Protein backbone atom coordinates (compact mmCIF):
# COMPACT_ATOMS: atom_id res chain seq x y z
CA MET A 1 0.03 -0.01 0.02
CA ALA A 2 1.79 3.27 -1.17
CA PHE A 3 1.58 5.90 1.65
CA GLY A 4 0.21 9.36 0.19
CA VAL A 5 -2.47 11.98 0.73
CA TYR A 6 -5.33 9.53 1.61
CA SER A 7 -3.33 7.34 3.86
CA LEU A 8 -2.54 10.42 5.51
CA LEU A 9 -6.17 12.00 5.86
CA GLU A 10 -7.52 8.23 6.79
CA ALA A 11 -5.02 8.31 9.76
CA ALA A 12 -6.09 12.09 10.90
CA VAL A 13 -9.77 10.56 10.50
CA LEU A 14 -9.00 7.43 12.49
CA CYS A 15 -7.18 8.94 15.50
CA LEU A 16 -9.93 11.75 16.08
CA ASN A 17 -12.52 9.04 15.71
CA ALA A 18 -10.29 7.64 18.73
CA VAL A 19 -10.19 10.67 20.63
CA CYS A 20 -14.09 11.54 20.39
CA VAL A 21 -14.87 8.10 21.65
CA LEU A 22 -13.38 8.42 24.81
CA ASN A 23 -15.91 8.57 27.41
CA GLU A 24 -15.44 10.79 30.07
CA GLU A 25 -17.04 9.07 33.16
CA ARG A 26 -15.26 5.44 32.33
CA PHE A 27 -11.79 6.55 31.37
CA LEU A 28 -11.27 10.20 31.19
CA SER A 29 -12.00 10.54 35.21
CA LYS A 30 -9.52 7.71 36.49
CA LEU A 31 -6.89 9.76 35.06
CA PRO A 32 -5.08 12.21 37.59
CA GLY A 33 -6.00 15.64 37.18
CA TRP A 34 -8.76 15.32 34.70
CA GLY A 35 -11.63 17.07 36.49
CA GLY A 36 -9.84 20.37 36.87
CA SER A 37 -9.57 20.38 40.23
CA HIS A 38 -6.19 22.19 40.00
CA VAL A 39 -6.53 26.03 40.32
CA GLN A 40 -4.19 27.98 38.76
CA GLY A 41 -2.57 31.63 39.51
CA PHE A 42 -2.77 35.01 37.19
CA GLY A 43 -0.30 34.48 34.22
CA GLU A 44 0.56 31.02 35.27
CA GLU A 45 0.95 28.96 32.36
CA PRO A 46 -1.36 25.52 32.27
CA GLY A 47 0.49 22.59 32.47
CA ILE A 48 1.08 20.06 29.37
CA LYS A 49 -1.42 17.71 31.33
CA THR A 50 -4.07 20.58 31.50
CA GLN A 51 -3.04 21.72 27.78
CA ILE A 52 -3.69 17.86 26.54
CA PHE A 53 -6.87 17.61 28.25
CA HIS A 54 -8.37 20.73 26.96
CA PHE A 55 -7.34 19.87 23.23
CA ILE A 56 -9.30 16.23 24.07
CA ARG A 57 -12.41 17.94 25.40
CA SER A 58 -12.03 20.78 22.79
CA VAL A 59 -11.78 17.96 19.95
CA LYS A 60 -14.86 16.14 21.49
CA THR A 61 -16.78 19.35 20.99
CA VAL A 62 -15.96 20.87 17.47
CA MET A 63 -15.90 17.64 15.40
CA LYS A 64 -18.32 15.46 17.13
CA TYR A 65 -20.68 16.09 14.27
CA PRO A 66 -18.55 16.85 11.19
CA LEU A 67 -16.75 13.51 11.77
CA ILE A 68 -19.87 11.63 10.98
CA PRO A 69 -20.38 12.57 7.12
CA LEU A 70 -16.46 12.87 7.04
CA ASN A 71 -16.56 8.78 8.22
CA ILE A 72 -19.65 7.85 5.72
CA CYS A 73 -17.33 9.60 2.49
CA ILE A 74 -14.78 7.03 3.42
CA ILE A 75 -16.67 4.06 4.22
CA LEU A 76 -17.79 4.92 0.26
CA PHE A 77 -15.09 5.61 -0.67
CA LYS A 78 -13.27 2.01 0.66
CA LEU A 79 -16.43 0.35 -0.46
CA ILE A 80 -16.09 1.64 -4.33
CA PHE A 81 -12.44 1.82 -5.05
CA GLY A 82 -11.42 -1.22 -2.32
């Protein structure tokens, strides 16, 4: 299988799907720091763990509905062209 733009797009969609299906109550709440209990001071930059958690929440919020038609297009493309 050749590595091309379609393979890169498919890998990105699969990674976004993986982030979107993470369940906060069952999986993410067990990770330390997920609850957001850490209080930051003024001007203090958030740590890398906090930034990752915010990124996961943002991806889940923004990409939930655009991923549905994108997944349908990829599935149809795979069915038609193999």
